[in-house]
């Protein structure tokens, strides 16, 4: 962890810090502290200067007497509120990725695609300063948003993080040495297309984890992993979270829950020339025709897109946060 990360997450609030304000009805707003600025709500105005200098976890009152709780956002709070170029990986899935891929301090990790940088932040925290994260992204606009979001949260550009523009299958062999990568995390539409390059980069025993949204993607990537003969049999799962309302004797499940967001599928790289022992299974219908495969192509699966106008706005918003965060740390230094 570098000095900017330590400062960012502790001590009194400073100009450039992001602060999560919770109002009397539980509504949360995240702001970046700027001297002389004010935060407007439908019930009064709160001056940034009234927050700067207070300890984390303070209660501050606006001009009409409404109280707000001020806390530094946790990483899970930040990723849910930061500017987005692409859809983010939810904290519930990020936590499972760190666990199931066994991301450890000092690990060399490859990530594709980077999206808005949410998973990159979790991975950087897990690998620590001794680790290395190599991220790959096809779209320059998404990479710009990710860079700005990461600089905003950490206060600087991490020295152990690189982001490469381009297709993973083509760019990975020119970026890392063969059998030098401990973990690979793929969050993309068609991860099976990159399996060859990923397999060459992974160390024997290394973990491949794919995050996919649909059952058709899950099926195809599982069959591709099995068909390669280079991995252990893949494991797949999804995570759902149901909160509970607990107040006195009123204890019940929340009316809303975070249901399906994506599937995780993991497998481990075998040593060269190793043949995996065949599992004894009951006969099952696993054959599929060419027409079935065609239905699973990226074009048939579809991909959510963000309009250029909205994306430009999000790039500007992310860049503003990064500039404020960097300026704060320069002043502190």
Protein backbone atom coordinates (compact mmCIF):
# COMPACT_ATOMS: atom_id res chain seq x y z
CA UNK A 1 0.00 0.00 0.00
CA UNK A 2 1.45 3.38 -0.94
CA UNK A 3 1.37 6.56 1.15
CA UNK A 4 -1.51 8.07 -0.82
CA UNK A 5 -3.71 5.09 -0.05
CA UNK A 6 -2.95 5.37 3.68
CA UNK A 7 -3.78 9.09 3.67
CA UNK A 8 -6.88 8.56 1.56
CA UNK A 9 -8.44 6.14 4.04
CA UNK A 10 -7.63 7.71 7.39
CA UNK A 11 -7.32 10.99 9.27
CA UNK A 12 -9.41 14.16 9.13
CA UNK A 13 -11.23 15.05 5.92
CA UNK A 14 -9.15 17.11 3.51
CA UNK A 15 -9.81 19.03 0.31
CA UNK A 16 -9.97 16.51 -2.53
CA UNK A 17 -11.32 13.69 -0.35
CA UNK A 18 -14.50 11.92 -1.39
CA UNK A 19 -17.13 11.92 1.35
CA UNK A 20 -20.30 9.87 1.61
CA UNK A 21 -23.11 11.89 3.17
CA UNK A 22 -26.11 10.05 4.62
CA UNK A 23 -29.24 12.10 5.29
CA UNK A 24 -31.96 11.52 7.89
CA UNK A 25 -33.94 9.19 5.58
CA UNK A 26 -30.90 7.06 4.74
CA UNK A 27 -30.29 8.58 1.33
CA UNK A 28 -26.59 8.65 0.40
CA UNK A 29 -24.71 11.16 -1.72
CA UNK A 30 -21.00 11.08 -2.49
CA UNK A 31 -19.17 14.39 -3.03
CA UNK A 32 -15.58 15.50 -3.52
CA UNK A 33 -14.56 18.18 -1.03
CA UNK A 34 -13.60 21.50 -2.62
CA UNK A 35 -12.92 24.58 -0.46
CA UNK A 36 -15.64 27.19 -0.87
CA UNK A 37 -18.10 24.81 -2.57
CA UNK A 38 -21.53 23.83 -1.21
CA UNK A 39 -23.68 20.71 -1.49
CA UNK A 40 -27.33 21.40 -2.31
CA UNK A 41 -30.21 19.19 -1.18
CA UNK A 42 -33.97 19.77 -1.27
CA UNK A 43 -33.65 20.47 2.47
CA UNK A 44 -30.86 22.99 2.73
CA UNK A 45 -27.24 23.65 1.84
CA UNK A 46 -24.14 22.04 3.32
CA UNK A 47 -20.79 23.80 3.04
CA UNK A 48 -17.74 21.73 2.13
CA UNK A 49 -15.71 23.91 4.49
CA UNK A 50 -17.83 22.64 7.40
CA UNK A 51 -16.68 19.08 6.62
CA UNK A 52 -12.98 19.72 5.88
CA UNK A 53 -10.98 19.11 9.05
CA UNK A 54 -13.60 16.93 10.76
CA UNK A 55 -12.69 13.34 11.71
CA UNK A 56 -14.14 10.46 9.71
CA UNK A 57 -17.54 9.40 11.04
CA UNK A 58 -18.68 12.90 12.06
CA UNK A 59 -22.18 14.36 11.93
CA UNK A 60 -22.47 17.75 10.22
CA UNK A 61 -25.51 20.07 10.18
CA UNK A 62 -26.60 22.07 7.14
CA UNK A 63 -27.94 25.63 7.10
CA UNK A 64 -31.49 24.61 8.13
CA UNK A 65 -30.46 22.19 10.88
CA UNK A 66 -30.65 18.89 8.96
CA UNK A 67 -27.96 16.45 10.10
CA UNK A 68 -25.85 14.32 7.76
CA UNK A 69 -23.42 11.56 8.67
CA UNK A 70 -20.07 12.04 6.90
CA UNK A 71 -17.92 8.98 6.18
CA UNK A 72 -15.18 8.16 3.73
CA UNK A 73 -16.68 5.76 1.23
CA UNK A 74 -15.51 2.16 1.44
CA UNK A 75 -14.19 0.67 -1.78
CA UNK A 76 -17.56 -1.05 -2.23
CA UNK A 77 -19.28 2.33 -1.88
CA UNK A 78 -16.89 3.99 -4.32
CA UNK A 79 -17.29 1.46 -7.12
CA UNK A 80 -21.08 1.68 -6.90
CA UNK A 81 -21.05 5.48 -7.28
CA UNK A 82 -18.07 6.18 -9.55
CA UNK A 83 -18.47 7.27 -13.21
CA UNK A 84 -18.96 4.29 -15.48
CA UNK A 85 -17.97 3.63 -19.05
CA UNK A 86 -19.06 0.00 -18.92
CA UNK A 87 -21.13 -1.95 -16.42
CA UNK A 88 -19.18 -2.71 -13.25
CA UNK A 89 -18.59 -5.98 -11.44
CA UNK A 90 -20.64 -5.82 -8.24
CA UNK A 91 -18.79 -6.06 -4.91
CA UNK A 92 -20.45 -9.43 -4.20
CA UNK A 93 -18.88 -10.86 -7.35
CA UNK A 94 -15.57 -9.06 -6.83
CA UNK A 95 -15.26 -10.67 -3.40
CA UNK A 96 -15.87 -14.12 -4.88
CA UNK A 97 -13.38 -13.46 -7.67
CA UNK A 98 -10.66 -12.61 -5.14
CA UNK A 99 -11.47 -15.79 -3.20
CA UNK A 100 -12.05 -18.26 -6.01
CA UNK A 101 -9.11 -17.06 -8.12
CA UNK A 102 -6.99 -17.02 -4.93
CA UNK A 103 -5.59 -13.54 -5.56
CA UNK A 104 -2.62 -13.17 -3.19
CA UNK A 105 -0.08 -10.45 -2.27
CA UNK A 106 2.72 -10.35 -4.81
CA UNK A 107 0.77 -12.16 -7.54
CA UNK A 108 1.10 -11.37 -11.24
CA UNK A 109 -2.47 -10.98 -12.51
CA UNK A 110 -3.89 -10.41 -15.98
CA UNK A 111 -7.33 -8.82 -16.28
CA UNK A 112 -9.48 -8.28 -19.39
CA UNK A 113 -11.54 -6.20 -20.04
CA UNK A 114 -11.00 -3.43 -17.60
CA UNK A 115 -14.42 -1.78 -18.04
CA UNK A 116 -14.73 1.11 -15.57
CA UNK A 117 -11.91 -0.07 -13.28
CA UNK A 118 -14.00 -1.51 -10.43
CA UNK A 119 -12.40 -4.95 -10.43
CA UNK A 120 -8.97 -3.41 -11.04
CA UNK A 121 -9.25 -1.60 -7.70
CA UNK A 122 -10.10 -4.82 -5.85
CA UNK A 123 -7.25 -6.67 -7.57
CA UNK A 124 -4.72 -3.92 -6.82
CA UNK A 125 -5.67 -3.97 -3.17
CA UNK A 126 -5.32 -7.78 -3.03
CA UNK A 127 -1.95 -8.09 -4.79
CA UNK A 128 -0.36 -5.24 -2.82
CA UNK A 129 2.66 -3.20 -3.93
CA UNK A 130 4.74 -6.32 -4.59
CA UNK A 131 2.25 -7.66 -7.13
CA UNK A 132 1.64 -6.72 -10.74
CA UNK A 133 -1.67 -6.14 -12.52
CA UNK A 134 -1.75 -6.09 -16.33
CA UNK A 135 -5.16 -4.96 -17.60
CA UNK A 136 -6.37 -5.11 -21.18
CA UNK A 137 -9.21 -3.15 -22.77
CA UNK A 138 -10.39 -2.87 -26.35
CA UNK A 139 -12.06 0.55 -26.06
CA UNK A 140 -10.02 3.66 -25.34
CA UNK A 141 -12.95 5.48 -23.73
CA UNK A 142 -13.42 2.73 -21.17
CA UNK A 143 -9.68 2.73 -20.44
CA UNK A 144 -9.78 6.50 -19.84
CA UNK A 145 -12.65 6.13 -17.35
CA UNK A 146 -10.84 3.28 -15.57
CA UNK A 147 -7.58 5.25 -15.28
CA UNK A 148 -9.41 8.26 -13.85
CA UNK A 149 -11.46 6.21 -11.38
CA UNK A 150 -8.39 4.39 -10.08
CA UNK A 151 -6.44 7.65 -9.72
CA UNK A 152 -9.41 9.21 -7.93
CA UNK A 153 -9.62 6.46 -5.33
CA UNK A 154 -5.90 5.86 -4.82
CA UNK A 155 -4.79 9.45 -5.26
CA UNK A 156 -2.19 8.51 -7.89
CA UNK A 157 -1.52 6.14 -10.77
CA UNK A 158 -0.32 2.80 -9.31
CA UNK A 159 3.24 1.96 -10.35
CA UNK A 160 2.42 -1.76 -10.49
CA UNK A 161 -0.54 -1.39 -12.88
CA UNK A 162 -0.53 -1.20 -16.66
CA UNK A 163 -3.43 -0.96 -19.06
CA UNK A 164 -2.99 -2.04 -22.66
CA UNK A 165 -5.36 -1.11 -25.47
CA UNK A 166 -6.14 -3.90 -27.88
CA UNK A 167 -7.41 -7.44 -28.24
CA UNK A 168 -6.15 -9.73 -25.46
CA UNK A 169 -5.41 -12.63 -27.80
CA UNK A 170 -3.04 -10.42 -29.82
CA UNK A 171 -1.64 -8.15 -27.10
CA UNK A 172 -1.01 -10.62 -24.28
CA UNK A 173 1.89 -12.54 -25.91
CA UNK A 174 3.74 -9.24 -26.49
CA UNK A 175 3.15 -8.00 -22.93
CA UNK A 176 4.01 -10.95 -20.66
CA UNK A 177 6.43 -13.84 -20.84
CA UNK A 178 5.13 -17.40 -21.31
CA UNK A 179 4.25 -19.16 -18.04
CA UNK A 180 4.81 -15.97 -16.01
CA UNK A 181 1.25 -15.17 -14.91
CA UNK A 182 -0.25 -16.47 -11.67
CA UNK A 183 -3.91 -15.58 -12.27
CA UNK A 184 -6.06 -14.54 -15.23
CA UNK A 185 -9.50 -12.93 -14.81
CA UNK A 186 -11.59 -12.51 -17.96
CA UNK A 187 -14.68 -10.29 -18.01
CA UNK A 188 -15.59 -10.26 -21.68
CA UNK A 189 -18.21 -11.36 -24.16
CA UNK A 190 -16.33 -14.33 -25.66
CA UNK A 191 -13.52 -15.47 -23.32
CA UNK A 192 -13.09 -18.73 -25.25
CA UNK A 193 -11.53 -16.74 -28.10
CA UNK A 194 -8.56 -15.84 -25.86
CA UNK A 195 -7.99 -19.27 -24.38
CA UNK A 196 -4.86 -20.00 -26.43
CA UNK A 197 -2.99 -16.83 -25.42
CA UNK A 198 -4.10 -17.15 -21.81
CA UNK A 199 -2.97 -20.77 -21.61
CA UNK A 200 0.51 -19.85 -22.85
CA UNK A 201 0.82 -17.02 -20.28
CA UNK A 202 -0.36 -18.96 -17.20
CA UNK A 203 2.05 -20.79 -14.94
CA UNK A 204 1.32 -24.49 -14.29
CA UNK A 205 -1.17 -24.52 -11.43
CA UNK A 206 -2.28 -20.96 -12.21
CA UNK A 207 -5.96 -20.06 -12.05
CA UNK A 208 -8.18 -18.96 -14.92
CA UNK A 209 -11.44 -17.29 -13.90
CA UNK A 210 -14.10 -16.12 -16.35
CA UNK A 211 -17.01 -13.83 -15.47
CA UNK A 212 -19.91 -14.24 -17.91
CA UNK A 213 -23.50 -13.03 -17.85
CA UNK A 214 -25.54 -15.70 -19.66
CA UNK A 215 -25.94 -19.46 -19.54
CA UNK A 216 -24.98 -19.75 -23.22
CA UNK A 217 -21.67 -18.02 -22.54
CA UNK A 218 -21.16 -20.21 -19.47
CA UNK A 219 -21.76 -23.39 -21.47
CA UNK A 220 -19.50 -22.43 -24.31
CA UNK A 221 -16.54 -21.33 -22.21
CA UNK A 222 -16.84 -24.48 -20.08
CA UNK A 223 -16.73 -26.68 -23.18
CA UNK A 224 -13.79 -24.72 -24.58
CA UNK A 225 -11.83 -25.16 -21.34
CA UNK A 226 -12.56 -28.90 -21.30
CA UNK A 227 -11.81 -29.26 -25.00
CA UNK A 228 -8.40 -27.60 -24.69
CA UNK A 229 -7.09 -30.41 -22.50
CA UNK A 230 -4.94 -27.84 -20.69
CA UNK A 231 -6.99 -27.33 -17.52
CA UNK A 232 -8.66 -29.08 -14.66
CA UNK A 233 -12.39 -29.60 -15.00
CA UNK A 234 -14.03 -26.17 -14.59
CA UNK A 235 -16.21 -25.22 -11.64
CA UNK A 236 -19.04 -22.73 -12.07
CA UNK A 237 -21.34 -20.86 -9.70
CA UNK A 238 -23.18 -17.62 -9.07
CA UNK A 239 -23.61 -15.53 -5.92
CA UNK A 240 -26.85 -13.99 -4.67
CA UNK A 241 -27.20 -11.73 -1.65
CA UNK A 242 -30.41 -11.26 0.32
CA UNK A 243 -30.33 -8.62 3.02
CA UNK A 244 -32.41 -8.73 6.18
CA UNK A 245 -34.39 -6.05 7.99
CA UNK A 246 -33.53 -6.34 11.69
CA UNK A 247 -35.19 -3.87 14.05
CA UNK A 248 -36.39 -5.09 17.44
CA UNK A 249 -38.73 -8.01 16.84
CA UNK A 250 -39.33 -6.95 13.22
CA UNK A 251 -36.94 -9.42 11.62
CA UNK A 252 -37.61 -10.39 8.02
CA UNK A 253 -35.88 -10.62 4.63
CA UNK A 254 -35.58 -7.37 2.70
CA UNK A 255 -38.11 -6.90 -0.07
CA UNK A 256 -35.31 -6.44 -2.60
CA UNK A 257 -32.18 -8.48 -3.16
CA UNK A 258 -29.16 -8.50 -5.45
CA UNK A 259 -29.95 -11.52 -7.58
CA UNK A 260 -28.20 -12.73 -10.71
CA UNK A 261 -25.41 -10.52 -12.00
CA UNK A 262 -23.08 -13.07 -13.55
CA UNK A 263 -21.55 -16.54 -13.44
CA UNK A 264 -18.03 -17.36 -12.30
CA UNK A 265 -16.21 -20.29 -13.87
CA UNK A 266 -12.74 -21.32 -12.72
CA UNK A 267 -10.12 -23.87 -13.77
CA UNK A 268 -6.42 -24.46 -13.09
CA UNK A 269 -3.66 -24.75 -15.67
CA UNK A 270 -2.13 -28.20 -15.99
CA UNK A 271 1.61 -28.80 -16.38
CA UNK A 272 2.82 -29.22 -19.98
CA UNK A 273 2.08 -32.63 -21.54
CA UNK A 274 -0.18 -33.57 -18.62
CA UNK A 275 -3.33 -35.57 -19.39
CA UNK A 276 -6.13 -35.03 -16.90
CA UNK A 277 -7.52 -38.29 -15.50
CA UNK A 278 -10.99 -38.90 -16.87
CA UNK A 279 -13.80 -38.48 -14.38
CA UNK A 280 -16.25 -41.35 -14.03
CA UNK A 281 -19.65 -39.88 -14.81
CA UNK A 282 -23.02 -41.15 -15.81
CA UNK A 283 -23.62 -40.87 -19.56
CA UNK A 284 -25.13 -37.49 -20.48
CA UNK A 285 -26.11 -35.67 -23.64
CA UNK A 286 -23.27 -33.20 -24.17
CA UNK A 287 -23.12 -33.16 -27.97
CA UNK A 288 -24.06 -30.01 -29.86
CA UNK A 289 -24.33 -29.17 -33.53
CA UNK A 290 -22.72 -26.37 -35.55
CA UNK A 291 -26.03 -24.49 -35.49
CA UNK A 292 -25.93 -24.49 -31.68
CA UNK A 293 -22.42 -23.07 -31.69
CA UNK A 294 -23.43 -20.37 -34.17
CA UNK A 295 -26.17 -19.25 -31.77
CA UNK A 296 -23.49 -18.62 -29.13
CA UNK A 297 -21.34 -16.27 -31.21
CA UNK A 298 -20.68 -12.78 -29.79
CA UNK A 299 -22.95 -11.20 -32.39
CA UNK A 300 -25.85 -13.45 -31.46
CA UNK A 301 -25.28 -12.89 -27.75
CA UNK A 302 -25.45 -9.11 -28.08
CA UNK A 303 -23.62 -6.50 -26.08
CA UNK A 304 -24.87 -3.53 -24.09
CA UNK A 305 -23.54 -0.25 -25.42
CA UNK A 306 -23.21 3.25 -24.03
CA UNK A 307 -23.97 6.20 -26.33
CA UNK A 308 -20.92 8.31 -27.30
CA UNK A 309 -22.49 11.42 -25.70
CA UNK A 310 -23.05 9.68 -22.35
CA UNK A 311 -19.59 8.11 -22.47
CA UNK A 312 -17.91 11.49 -23.10
CA UNK A 313 -19.74 12.88 -20.08
CA UNK A 314 -18.58 10.01 -17.89
CA UNK A 315 -14.98 10.39 -19.07
CA UNK A 316 -15.07 14.07 -18.07
CA UNK A 317 -16.59 13.24 -14.67
CA UNK A 318 -13.99 10.57 -13.97
CA UNK A 319 -11.16 12.87 -15.08
CA UNK A 320 -12.34 15.66 -12.78
CA UNK A 321 -12.28 13.34 -9.77
CA UNK A 322 -8.80 12.11 -10.64
CA UNK A 323 -7.45 15.67 -11.03
CA UNK A 324 -8.85 16.73 -7.67
CA UNK A 325 -7.44 13.66 -5.94
CA UNK A 326 -3.98 14.12 -7.44
CA UNK A 327 -3.97 17.83 -6.58
CA UNK A 328 -4.85 17.01 -2.98
CA UNK A 329 -1.93 14.65 -2.61
CA UNK A 330 0.47 17.10 -4.23
CA UNK A 331 -0.61 19.74 -1.72
CA UNK A 332 -0.21 17.25 1.12
CA UNK A 333 3.28 16.36 -0.06
